[in-house]
Amino acid sequence: MIKAILSSVVLSATLSLHAQTADTAARVLPRANLLRGGVGYTLLTSKFYVDGHNQSPLSGTTFSLDYEHVWDSGYGFGLNVSHTQLPSVETHENYLGASLVLAHTTDAGWRWDTAFGLGYVSNNVGGDMPGSGIGMMSIFGVTYKLSAHWGLGSVLRMHTSRYSMPAESTTRTGFSHYDLQASMSYLF
């Protein structure tokens, strides 16, 4: 037991010292711009009715592309695009918007970021549901910088969309879903 604890302490110290050597300084240097592509699992949390029957919860796949620019203060802006597919009900939703970003890069090569955005959404549901509306998005992401310009990471996204109410409807119309993605980033 003592050996395992000592081994983990030594390993942690070795990794910390390694991250701060001169040859890795370029890898951990904060970069102002990030271009990130991601793909992952989607869980639709809103109710989804087909022929009067609730199909929830539904799962699918989301593809995304994000650009973020962050100033030295850690604050910045972003542009976000995503495409969510729900194959079991043959439905998809697209999002295009802008966001406010807060990011921090550690001296060990980790980049933590969060973003909150507003944008345009569209879907292919048809019927009484409008095809376009407004969407809100939140991102919580982490990227490990493999080199000075490349990183691998993970992103949790939360999307909520609202469409105008169909005639004679008393409920809001829209989607809410969570996406957990693996991502690849280019930092410059």
N, C-alpha and C. Protein backbone atom coordinates (compact mmCIF):
# COMPACT_ATOMS: atom_id res chain seq x y z
N MET A 1 0.83 -1.19 0.00
CA MET A 1 0.00 0.00 0.00
C MET A 1 0.88 1.26 0.00
N ILE A 2 1.90 1.27 0.88
CA ILE A 2 2.81 2.41 0.97
C ILE A 2 3.57 2.56 -0.35
N LYS A 3 3.99 1.44 -0.95
CA LYS A 3 4.70 1.49 -2.22
C LYS A 3 3.83 2.11 -3.30
N ALA A 4 2.56 1.76 -3.33
CA ALA A 4 1.65 2.31 -4.35
C ALA A 4 1.49 3.81 -4.18
N ILE A 5 1.36 4.27 -2.95
CA ILE A 5 1.22 5.71 -2.69
C ILE A 5 2.49 6.44 -3.08
N LEU A 6 3.65 5.92 -2.67
CA LEU A 6 4.92 6.55 -3.02
C LEU A 6 5.14 6.56 -4.53
N SER A 7 4.76 5.48 -5.20
CA SER A 7 4.91 5.42 -6.66
C SER A 7 4.05 6.48 -7.34
N SER A 8 2.82 6.67 -6.86
CA SER A 8 1.95 7.69 -7.48
C SER A 8 2.46 9.09 -7.21
N VAL A 9 3.03 9.34 -6.02
CA VAL A 9 3.61 10.66 -5.71
C VAL A 9 4.81 10.92 -6.61
N VAL A 10 5.68 9.95 -6.78
CA VAL A 10 6.86 10.10 -7.63
C VAL A 10 6.44 10.33 -9.08
N LEU A 11 5.47 9.56 -9.55
CA LEU A 11 4.98 9.72 -10.92
C LEU A 11 4.39 11.11 -11.12
N SER A 12 3.58 11.60 -10.17
CA SER A 12 2.99 12.94 -10.27
C SER A 12 4.07 14.01 -10.31
N ALA A 13 5.06 13.88 -9.44
CA ALA A 13 6.16 14.87 -9.42
C ALA A 13 6.94 14.84 -10.71
N THR A 14 7.19 13.65 -11.25
CA THR A 14 7.92 13.52 -12.51
C THR A 14 7.16 14.18 -13.64
N LEU A 15 5.84 13.94 -13.71
CA LEU A 15 5.04 14.55 -14.77
C LEU A 15 4.99 16.06 -14.62
N SER A 16 4.91 16.58 -13.38
CA SER A 16 4.89 18.03 -13.15
C SER A 16 6.19 18.66 -13.60
N LEU A 17 7.32 18.04 -13.23
CA LEU A 17 8.61 18.59 -13.62
C LEU A 17 8.79 18.51 -15.14
N HIS A 18 8.32 17.43 -15.73
CA HIS A 18 8.43 17.28 -17.18
C HIS A 18 7.67 18.39 -17.91
N ALA A 19 6.52 18.77 -17.40
CA ALA A 19 5.70 19.78 -18.07
C ALA A 19 6.33 21.16 -18.02
N GLN A 20 7.28 21.37 -17.11
CA GLN A 20 7.86 22.70 -16.95
C GLN A 20 9.27 22.81 -17.49
N THR A 21 9.76 21.83 -18.23
CA THR A 21 11.10 21.92 -18.80
C THR A 21 11.08 22.82 -20.03
N ALA A 22 12.25 23.26 -20.46
CA ALA A 22 12.36 24.20 -21.57
C ALA A 22 11.85 23.63 -22.89
N ASP A 23 12.04 22.32 -23.13
CA ASP A 23 11.60 21.76 -24.40
C ASP A 23 10.08 21.67 -24.53
N THR A 24 9.37 21.78 -23.42
CA THR A 24 7.90 21.76 -23.51
C THR A 24 7.30 23.15 -23.33
N ALA A 25 8.12 24.17 -23.18
CA ALA A 25 7.60 25.52 -22.98
C ALA A 25 6.72 25.96 -24.13
N ALA A 26 7.11 25.63 -25.35
CA ALA A 26 6.29 26.01 -26.51
C ALA A 26 4.96 25.28 -26.52
N ARG A 27 4.94 24.05 -25.99
CA ARG A 27 3.70 23.27 -25.97
C ARG A 27 2.67 23.89 -25.02
N VAL A 28 3.11 24.41 -23.90
CA VAL A 28 2.16 24.92 -22.91
C VAL A 28 1.88 26.41 -23.07
N LEU A 29 2.54 27.08 -23.97
CA LEU A 29 2.31 28.50 -24.21
C LEU A 29 0.85 28.74 -24.61
N PRO A 30 0.15 29.64 -23.93
CA PRO A 30 -1.24 29.91 -24.32
C PRO A 30 -1.31 30.44 -25.75
N ARG A 31 -2.26 29.99 -26.49
CA ARG A 31 -2.48 30.44 -27.87
C ARG A 31 -3.80 31.21 -27.91
N ALA A 32 -3.84 32.28 -28.71
CA ALA A 32 -5.02 33.13 -28.76
C ALA A 32 -6.18 32.50 -29.52
N ASN A 33 -5.89 31.64 -30.49
CA ASN A 33 -6.94 31.09 -31.34
C ASN A 33 -7.01 29.57 -31.23
N LEU A 34 -8.22 29.06 -31.29
CA LEU A 34 -8.44 27.62 -31.25
C LEU A 34 -9.47 27.26 -32.31
N LEU A 35 -9.18 26.26 -33.09
CA LEU A 35 -10.13 25.69 -34.04
C LEU A 35 -10.32 24.24 -33.62
N ARG A 36 -11.58 23.89 -33.24
CA ARG A 36 -11.84 22.58 -32.66
C ARG A 36 -12.95 21.87 -33.43
N GLY A 37 -12.69 20.61 -33.77
CA GLY A 37 -13.71 19.76 -34.37
C GLY A 37 -14.02 18.63 -33.42
N GLY A 38 -15.29 18.28 -33.31
CA GLY A 38 -15.66 17.23 -32.38
C GLY A 38 -16.78 16.36 -32.90
N VAL A 39 -16.87 15.17 -32.35
CA VAL A 39 -17.95 14.23 -32.66
C VAL A 39 -18.26 13.47 -31.39
N GLY A 40 -19.56 13.20 -31.17
CA GLY A 40 -19.89 12.47 -29.96
C GLY A 40 -21.34 12.11 -29.82
N TYR A 41 -21.66 11.61 -28.65
CA TYR A 41 -22.96 11.08 -28.29
C TYR A 41 -23.90 12.21 -27.88
N THR A 42 -25.15 12.12 -28.29
CA THR A 42 -26.19 13.10 -27.95
C THR A 42 -27.31 12.41 -27.20
N LEU A 43 -27.80 13.06 -26.15
CA LEU A 43 -28.97 12.58 -25.43
C LEU A 43 -30.02 13.69 -25.46
N LEU A 44 -31.13 13.43 -26.14
CA LEU A 44 -32.24 14.39 -26.20
C LEU A 44 -33.03 14.28 -24.91
N THR A 45 -33.14 15.37 -24.15
CA THR A 45 -33.83 15.33 -22.87
C THR A 45 -35.25 15.89 -22.96
N SER A 46 -35.58 16.57 -24.04
CA SER A 46 -36.95 17.07 -24.19
C SER A 46 -37.84 15.96 -24.70
N LYS A 47 -39.13 16.14 -24.54
CA LYS A 47 -40.09 15.15 -25.04
C LYS A 47 -40.17 15.26 -26.55
N PHE A 48 -40.28 14.12 -27.22
CA PHE A 48 -40.38 14.10 -28.67
C PHE A 48 -41.52 13.14 -29.04
N TYR A 49 -42.55 13.69 -29.64
CA TYR A 49 -43.74 12.91 -29.95
C TYR A 49 -43.78 12.55 -31.43
N VAL A 50 -44.07 11.29 -31.70
CA VAL A 50 -44.31 10.80 -33.06
C VAL A 50 -45.66 10.11 -33.03
N ASP A 51 -46.60 10.61 -33.83
CA ASP A 51 -47.96 10.08 -33.88
C ASP A 51 -48.58 10.00 -32.49
N GLY A 52 -48.35 11.04 -31.67
CA GLY A 52 -48.96 11.11 -30.35
C GLY A 52 -48.26 10.31 -29.27
N HIS A 53 -47.18 9.61 -29.59
CA HIS A 53 -46.46 8.80 -28.60
C HIS A 53 -45.11 9.44 -28.29
N ASN A 54 -44.81 9.55 -27.00
CA ASN A 54 -43.55 10.13 -26.57
C ASN A 54 -42.41 9.14 -26.86
N GLN A 55 -41.42 9.57 -27.63
CA GLN A 55 -40.29 8.72 -28.01
C GLN A 55 -39.07 8.94 -27.13
N SER A 56 -39.19 9.82 -26.15
CA SER A 56 -38.05 10.19 -25.31
C SER A 56 -37.70 9.09 -24.33
N PRO A 57 -36.46 8.99 -23.88
CA PRO A 57 -35.33 9.77 -24.35
C PRO A 57 -34.78 9.21 -25.66
N LEU A 58 -34.22 10.08 -26.46
CA LEU A 58 -33.62 9.69 -27.74
C LEU A 58 -32.13 9.95 -27.69
N SER A 59 -31.38 9.18 -28.45
CA SER A 59 -29.94 9.42 -28.53
C SER A 59 -29.53 9.49 -30.00
N GLY A 60 -28.39 10.10 -30.21
CA GLY A 60 -27.90 10.25 -31.57
C GLY A 60 -26.45 10.69 -31.56
N THR A 61 -26.07 11.42 -32.60
CA THR A 61 -24.70 11.85 -32.80
C THR A 61 -24.67 13.34 -33.11
N THR A 62 -23.69 14.04 -32.57
CA THR A 62 -23.49 15.45 -32.89
C THR A 62 -22.08 15.66 -33.45
N PHE A 63 -22.00 16.43 -34.52
CA PHE A 63 -20.74 16.87 -35.11
C PHE A 63 -20.65 18.37 -34.88
N SER A 64 -19.47 18.87 -34.53
CA SER A 64 -19.35 20.30 -34.26
C SER A 64 -18.02 20.86 -34.75
N LEU A 65 -18.03 22.16 -34.98
CA LEU A 65 -16.84 22.91 -35.35
C LEU A 65 -16.91 24.23 -34.61
N ASP A 66 -15.85 24.56 -33.86
CA ASP A 66 -15.80 25.79 -33.07
C ASP A 66 -14.54 26.56 -33.38
N TYR A 67 -14.68 27.89 -33.41
CA TYR A 67 -13.52 28.77 -33.47
C TYR A 67 -13.60 29.65 -32.23
N GLU A 68 -12.49 29.79 -31.51
CA GLU A 68 -12.44 30.67 -30.35
C GLU A 68 -11.22 31.57 -30.43
N HIS A 69 -11.42 32.85 -30.11
CA HIS A 69 -10.31 33.79 -29.97
C HIS A 69 -10.36 34.29 -28.53
N VAL A 70 -9.23 34.17 -27.81
CA VAL A 70 -9.17 34.55 -26.41
C VAL A 70 -8.02 35.53 -26.22
N TRP A 71 -8.30 36.67 -25.54
CA TRP A 71 -7.27 37.65 -25.23
C TRP A 71 -6.51 37.23 -23.99
N ASP A 72 -5.45 37.97 -23.65
CA ASP A 72 -4.61 37.64 -22.50
C ASP A 72 -5.41 37.59 -21.19
N SER A 73 -6.51 38.32 -21.12
CA SER A 73 -7.34 38.32 -19.91
C SER A 73 -8.06 37.00 -19.70
N GLY A 74 -8.13 36.16 -20.75
CA GLY A 74 -8.85 34.90 -20.66
C GLY A 74 -10.24 34.96 -21.25
N TYR A 75 -10.71 36.17 -21.55
CA TYR A 75 -12.03 36.35 -22.15
C TYR A 75 -11.90 36.42 -23.67
N GLY A 76 -12.96 36.03 -24.37
CA GLY A 76 -12.92 36.08 -25.81
C GLY A 76 -14.28 35.85 -26.43
N PHE A 77 -14.26 35.51 -27.70
CA PHE A 77 -15.50 35.25 -28.43
C PHE A 77 -15.32 33.99 -29.26
N GLY A 78 -16.42 33.44 -29.70
CA GLY A 78 -16.35 32.23 -30.50
C GLY A 78 -17.44 32.17 -31.55
N LEU A 79 -17.23 31.34 -32.53
CA LEU A 79 -18.22 31.02 -33.56
C LEU A 79 -18.42 29.51 -33.50
N ASN A 80 -19.67 29.07 -33.48
CA ASN A 80 -19.97 27.67 -33.25
C ASN A 80 -20.96 27.15 -34.28
N VAL A 81 -20.67 25.96 -34.78
CA VAL A 81 -21.55 25.27 -35.73
C VAL A 81 -21.70 23.83 -35.24
N SER A 82 -22.94 23.32 -35.25
CA SER A 82 -23.12 21.91 -34.90
C SER A 82 -24.27 21.31 -35.69
N HIS A 83 -24.19 20.01 -35.87
CA HIS A 83 -25.21 19.25 -36.58
C HIS A 83 -25.52 18.02 -35.73
N THR A 84 -26.77 17.91 -35.29
CA THR A 84 -27.20 16.80 -34.44
C THR A 84 -28.12 15.89 -35.22
N GLN A 85 -27.84 14.59 -35.19
CA GLN A 85 -28.67 13.60 -35.88
C GLN A 85 -29.34 12.69 -34.86
N LEU A 86 -30.64 12.46 -35.04
CA LEU A 86 -31.40 11.52 -34.23
C LEU A 86 -31.96 10.47 -35.18
N PRO A 87 -31.19 9.42 -35.50
CA PRO A 87 -31.57 8.49 -36.55
C PRO A 87 -32.84 7.69 -36.27
N SER A 88 -33.16 7.43 -35.00
CA SER A 88 -34.34 6.61 -34.72
C SER A 88 -35.65 7.29 -35.11
N VAL A 89 -35.63 8.63 -35.19
CA VAL A 89 -36.84 9.35 -35.64
C VAL A 89 -36.56 10.15 -36.92
N GLU A 90 -35.43 9.85 -37.57
CA GLU A 90 -35.03 10.47 -38.84
C GLU A 90 -35.13 12.00 -38.77
N THR A 91 -34.50 12.57 -37.75
CA THR A 91 -34.55 14.01 -37.51
C THR A 91 -33.14 14.54 -37.31
N HIS A 92 -32.92 15.77 -37.74
CA HIS A 92 -31.66 16.44 -37.42
C HIS A 92 -31.92 17.90 -37.08
N GLU A 93 -30.96 18.49 -36.37
CA GLU A 93 -31.04 19.91 -36.01
C GLU A 93 -29.66 20.52 -36.24
N ASN A 94 -29.64 21.72 -36.83
CA ASN A 94 -28.41 22.46 -37.10
C ASN A 94 -28.38 23.71 -36.24
N TYR A 95 -27.18 24.09 -35.79
CA TYR A 95 -27.00 25.29 -34.98
C TYR A 95 -25.85 26.10 -35.56
N LEU A 96 -26.04 27.42 -35.64
CA LEU A 96 -24.99 28.35 -36.07
C LEU A 96 -25.11 29.57 -35.18
N GLY A 97 -24.05 29.89 -34.42
CA GLY A 97 -24.15 31.02 -33.51
C GLY A 97 -22.81 31.56 -33.07
N ALA A 98 -22.89 32.60 -32.26
CA ALA A 98 -21.72 33.25 -31.67
C ALA A 98 -21.75 33.03 -30.17
N SER A 99 -20.58 33.11 -29.54
CA SER A 99 -20.53 32.86 -28.10
C SER A 99 -19.49 33.75 -27.41
N LEU A 100 -19.68 33.91 -26.10
CA LEU A 100 -18.69 34.54 -25.23
C LEU A 100 -17.90 33.41 -24.59
N VAL A 101 -16.58 33.58 -24.53
CA VAL A 101 -15.69 32.49 -24.11
C VAL A 101 -14.85 32.93 -22.92
N LEU A 102 -14.61 32.01 -22.01
CA LEU A 102 -13.65 32.19 -20.93
C LEU A 102 -12.74 30.96 -20.95
N ALA A 103 -11.41 31.18 -21.06
CA ALA A 103 -10.47 30.06 -21.18
C ALA A 103 -9.26 30.29 -20.29
N HIS A 104 -8.64 29.18 -19.88
CA HIS A 104 -7.44 29.22 -19.06
C HIS A 104 -6.52 28.08 -19.48
N THR A 105 -5.23 28.39 -19.69
CA THR A 105 -4.24 27.37 -20.02
C THR A 105 -3.30 27.22 -18.85
N THR A 106 -3.11 25.98 -18.40
CA THR A 106 -2.21 25.72 -17.27
C THR A 106 -0.78 25.54 -17.77
N ASP A 107 0.17 25.57 -16.85
CA ASP A 107 1.57 25.36 -17.24
C ASP A 107 1.87 23.89 -17.48
N ALA A 108 0.87 23.02 -17.33
CA ALA A 108 1.05 21.60 -17.63
C ALA A 108 0.47 21.24 -19.00
N GLY A 109 0.01 22.24 -19.75
CA GLY A 109 -0.48 21.98 -21.10
C GLY A 109 -1.97 21.72 -21.22
N TRP A 110 -2.73 21.97 -20.17
CA TRP A 110 -4.18 21.79 -20.22
C TRP A 110 -4.84 23.13 -20.52
N ARG A 111 -5.85 23.11 -21.38
CA ARG A 111 -6.63 24.31 -21.68
C ARG A 111 -8.08 24.03 -21.30
N TRP A 112 -8.59 24.80 -20.35
CA TRP A 112 -9.98 24.67 -19.89
C TRP A 112 -10.76 25.83 -20.47
N ASP A 113 -11.95 25.57 -21.00
CA ASP A 113 -12.73 26.67 -21.52
C ASP A 113 -14.22 26.43 -21.32
N THR A 114 -14.92 27.54 -21.29
CA THR A 114 -16.38 27.51 -21.23
C THR A 114 -16.88 28.60 -22.16
N ALA A 115 -18.03 28.36 -22.77
CA ALA A 115 -18.62 29.33 -23.70
C ALA A 115 -20.13 29.30 -23.58
N PHE A 116 -20.73 30.45 -23.75
CA PHE A 116 -22.19 30.59 -23.74
C PHE A 116 -22.58 31.35 -24.99
N GLY A 117 -23.50 30.78 -25.77
CA GLY A 117 -23.82 31.39 -27.05
C GLY A 117 -25.30 31.41 -27.38
N LEU A 118 -25.58 32.17 -28.42
CA LEU A 118 -26.93 32.35 -28.94
C LEU A 118 -26.83 32.29 -30.45
N GLY A 119 -27.80 31.63 -31.10
CA GLY A 119 -27.70 31.51 -32.54
C GLY A 119 -28.98 31.06 -33.21
N TYR A 120 -28.84 30.71 -34.45
CA TYR A 120 -29.93 30.27 -35.33
C TYR A 120 -29.96 28.74 -35.35
N VAL A 121 -31.15 28.16 -35.26
CA VAL A 121 -31.30 26.71 -35.37
C VAL A 121 -32.30 26.37 -36.46
N SER A 122 -32.10 25.22 -37.07
CA SER A 122 -33.05 24.72 -38.07
C SER A 122 -33.19 23.22 -37.88
N ASN A 123 -34.32 22.68 -38.34
CA ASN A 123 -34.54 21.24 -38.22
C ASN A 123 -35.31 20.74 -39.43
N ASN A 124 -35.46 19.43 -39.54
CA ASN A 124 -36.18 18.83 -40.66
C ASN A 124 -37.43 18.09 -40.20
N VAL A 125 -37.99 18.47 -39.03
CA VAL A 125 -39.14 17.75 -38.47
C VAL A 125 -40.36 17.87 -39.37
N GLY A 126 -40.65 19.09 -39.81
CA GLY A 126 -41.81 19.28 -40.69
C GLY A 126 -43.12 19.25 -39.92
N GLY A 127 -44.22 19.09 -40.63
CA GLY A 127 -45.54 19.08 -39.98
C GLY A 127 -45.84 20.44 -39.39
N ASP A 128 -46.37 20.44 -38.15
CA ASP A 128 -46.72 21.67 -37.46
C ASP A 128 -45.52 22.40 -36.87
N MET A 129 -44.38 21.73 -36.78
CA MET A 129 -43.21 22.35 -36.14
C MET A 129 -42.46 23.23 -37.14
N PRO A 130 -42.23 24.50 -36.78
CA PRO A 130 -41.48 25.40 -37.67
C PRO A 130 -40.08 24.86 -37.93
N GLY A 131 -39.51 25.21 -39.07
CA GLY A 131 -38.20 24.71 -39.46
C GLY A 131 -37.04 25.51 -38.94
N SER A 132 -37.26 26.70 -38.36
CA SER A 132 -36.14 27.50 -37.85
C SER A 132 -36.57 28.26 -36.61
N GLY A 133 -35.56 28.61 -35.80
CA GLY A 133 -35.84 29.31 -34.56
C GLY A 133 -34.56 29.83 -33.94
N ILE A 134 -34.57 29.99 -32.62
CA ILE A 134 -33.42 30.52 -31.90
C ILE A 134 -32.88 29.44 -30.97
N GLY A 135 -31.56 29.42 -30.84
CA GLY A 135 -30.93 28.40 -29.99
C GLY A 135 -29.96 29.00 -29.00
N MET A 136 -29.83 28.34 -27.85
CA MET A 136 -28.86 28.72 -26.83
C MET A 136 -27.94 27.53 -26.62
N MET A 137 -26.67 27.82 -26.38
CA MET A 137 -25.69 26.77 -26.28
C MET A 137 -24.69 27.08 -25.16
N SER A 138 -24.28 26.05 -24.44
CA SER A 138 -23.21 26.16 -23.45
C SER A 138 -22.18 25.08 -23.75
N ILE A 139 -20.92 25.44 -23.58
CA ILE A 139 -19.82 24.49 -23.80
C ILE A 139 -18.93 24.49 -22.56
N PHE A 140 -18.56 23.30 -22.12
CA PHE A 140 -17.54 23.12 -21.09
C PHE A 140 -16.52 22.15 -21.69
N GLY A 141 -15.30 22.63 -21.92
CA GLY A 141 -14.32 21.80 -22.61
C GLY A 141 -12.96 21.79 -21.94
N VAL A 142 -12.22 20.73 -22.24
CA VAL A 142 -10.84 20.62 -21.78
C VAL A 142 -10.03 20.06 -22.95
N THR A 143 -8.84 20.63 -23.15
CA THR A 143 -7.95 20.18 -24.22
C THR A 143 -6.57 19.96 -23.63
N TYR A 144 -5.96 18.83 -23.96
CA TYR A 144 -4.58 18.59 -23.57
C TYR A 144 -3.71 18.86 -24.79
N LYS A 145 -2.77 19.78 -24.66
CA LYS A 145 -1.93 20.16 -25.79
C LYS A 145 -0.83 19.13 -26.00
N LEU A 146 -0.92 18.42 -27.12
CA LEU A 146 0.07 17.41 -27.47
C LEU A 146 1.36 18.04 -27.97
N SER A 147 1.24 19.19 -28.63
CA SER A 147 2.39 19.92 -29.15
C SER A 147 2.04 21.41 -29.07
N ALA A 148 2.87 22.24 -29.68
CA ALA A 148 2.62 23.68 -29.64
C ALA A 148 1.30 24.05 -30.32
N HIS A 149 0.84 23.25 -31.28
CA HIS A 149 -0.35 23.61 -32.04
C HIS A 149 -1.48 22.59 -32.02
N TRP A 150 -1.27 21.38 -31.55
CA TRP A 150 -2.29 20.34 -31.63
C TRP A 150 -2.71 19.87 -30.24
N GLY A 151 -4.00 19.60 -30.09
CA GLY A 151 -4.51 19.11 -28.82
C GLY A 151 -5.66 18.13 -28.99
N LEU A 152 -5.83 17.27 -28.00
CA LEU A 152 -6.96 16.35 -27.92
C LEU A 152 -7.76 16.70 -26.69
N GLY A 153 -9.08 16.53 -26.78
CA GLY A 153 -9.87 16.90 -25.63
C GLY A 153 -11.24 16.29 -25.60
N SER A 154 -12.04 16.84 -24.69
CA SER A 154 -13.40 16.41 -24.49
C SER A 154 -14.26 17.65 -24.28
N VAL A 155 -15.50 17.59 -24.76
CA VAL A 155 -16.41 18.74 -24.67
C VAL A 155 -17.78 18.26 -24.23
N LEU A 156 -18.38 18.96 -23.27
CA LEU A 156 -19.77 18.76 -22.91
C LEU A 156 -20.54 19.97 -23.43
N ARG A 157 -21.54 19.73 -24.27
CA ARG A 157 -22.36 20.79 -24.84
C ARG A 157 -23.78 20.63 -24.34
N MET A 158 -24.44 21.76 -24.11
CA MET A 158 -25.86 21.77 -23.80
C MET A 158 -26.54 22.69 -24.79
N HIS A 159 -27.50 22.15 -25.50
CA HIS A 159 -28.24 22.93 -26.50
C HIS A 159 -29.71 23.01 -26.11
N THR A 160 -30.28 24.18 -26.28
CA THR A 160 -31.72 24.37 -26.13
C THR A 160 -32.18 25.21 -27.30
N SER A 161 -33.20 24.74 -27.99
CA SER A 161 -33.73 25.51 -29.12
C SER A 161 -35.21 25.79 -28.89
N ARG A 162 -35.66 26.91 -29.39
CA ARG A 162 -37.06 27.31 -29.29
C ARG A 162 -37.54 27.72 -30.67
N TYR A 163 -38.70 27.19 -31.01
CA TYR A 163 -39.35 27.52 -32.28
C TYR A 163 -40.67 28.20 -31.97
N SER A 164 -41.19 28.99 -32.91
CA SER A 164 -42.48 29.64 -32.66
C SER A 164 -43.54 28.56 -32.47
N MET A 165 -44.53 28.88 -31.64
CA MET A 165 -45.58 27.90 -31.33
C MET A 165 -46.49 27.69 -32.54
N PRO A 166 -46.77 26.44 -32.85
CA PRO A 166 -47.72 26.16 -33.91
C PRO A 166 -49.11 26.67 -33.51
N ALA A 167 -49.97 26.92 -34.50
CA ALA A 167 -51.33 27.39 -34.23
C ALA A 167 -52.04 26.40 -33.31
N GLU A 168 -52.82 26.92 -32.40
CA GLU A 168 -53.64 26.13 -31.47
C GLU A 168 -52.81 25.27 -30.52
N SER A 169 -51.56 25.63 -30.28
CA SER A 169 -50.71 24.88 -29.35
C SER A 169 -50.55 25.67 -28.07
N THR A 170 -50.49 24.99 -26.95
CA THR A 170 -50.30 25.65 -25.66
C THR A 170 -48.94 25.33 -25.06
N THR A 171 -48.13 24.55 -25.75
CA THR A 171 -46.81 24.18 -25.24
C THR A 171 -45.71 24.76 -26.11
N ARG A 172 -44.56 24.95 -25.49
CA ARG A 172 -43.40 25.42 -26.25
C ARG A 172 -42.92 24.32 -27.17
N THR A 173 -42.31 24.72 -28.25
CA THR A 173 -41.79 23.76 -29.21
C THR A 173 -40.28 23.97 -29.32
N GLY A 174 -39.53 22.89 -29.23
CA GLY A 174 -38.08 22.98 -29.34
C GLY A 174 -37.41 21.71 -28.87
N PHE A 175 -36.09 21.75 -28.86
CA PHE A 175 -35.28 20.61 -28.45
C PHE A 175 -34.36 21.03 -27.31
N SER A 176 -34.07 20.10 -26.43
CA SER A 176 -33.02 20.25 -25.42
C SER A 176 -32.21 18.97 -25.45
N HIS A 177 -30.90 19.12 -25.59
CA HIS A 177 -30.05 17.93 -25.60
C HIS A 177 -28.67 18.23 -25.06
N TYR A 178 -28.03 17.16 -24.56
CA TYR A 178 -26.66 17.19 -24.06
C TYR A 178 -25.81 16.39 -25.02
N ASP A 179 -24.61 16.88 -25.28
CA ASP A 179 -23.67 16.20 -26.17
C ASP A 179 -22.35 16.02 -25.43
N LEU A 180 -21.82 14.82 -25.46
CA LEU A 180 -20.49 14.55 -24.93
C LEU A 180 -19.62 14.14 -26.10
N GLN A 181 -18.57 14.94 -26.36
CA GLN A 181 -17.77 14.75 -27.57
C GLN A 181 -16.29 14.56 -27.29
N ALA A 182 -15.65 13.82 -28.18
CA ALA A 182 -14.19 13.79 -28.25
C ALA A 182 -13.81 14.85 -29.28
N SER A 183 -12.72 15.57 -29.03
CA SER A 183 -12.38 16.67 -29.95
C SER A 183 -10.91 16.68 -30.30
N MET A 184 -10.62 17.27 -31.44
CA MET A 184 -9.25 17.52 -31.90
C MET A 184 -9.16 19.02 -32.15
N SER A 185 -8.11 19.65 -31.62
CA SER A 185 -7.98 21.10 -31.72
C SER A 185 -6.68 21.50 -32.38
N TYR A 186 -6.76 22.60 -33.13
CA TYR A 186 -5.57 23.27 -33.66
C TYR A 186 -5.48 24.62 -33.01
N LEU A 187 -4.38 24.90 -32.32
CA LEU A 187 -4.20 26.16 -31.60
C LEU A 187 -3.16 27.00 -32.33
N PHE A 188 -3.48 28.27 -32.55
CA PHE A 188 -2.55 29.15 -33.26
C PHE A 188 -2.67 30.57 -32.74
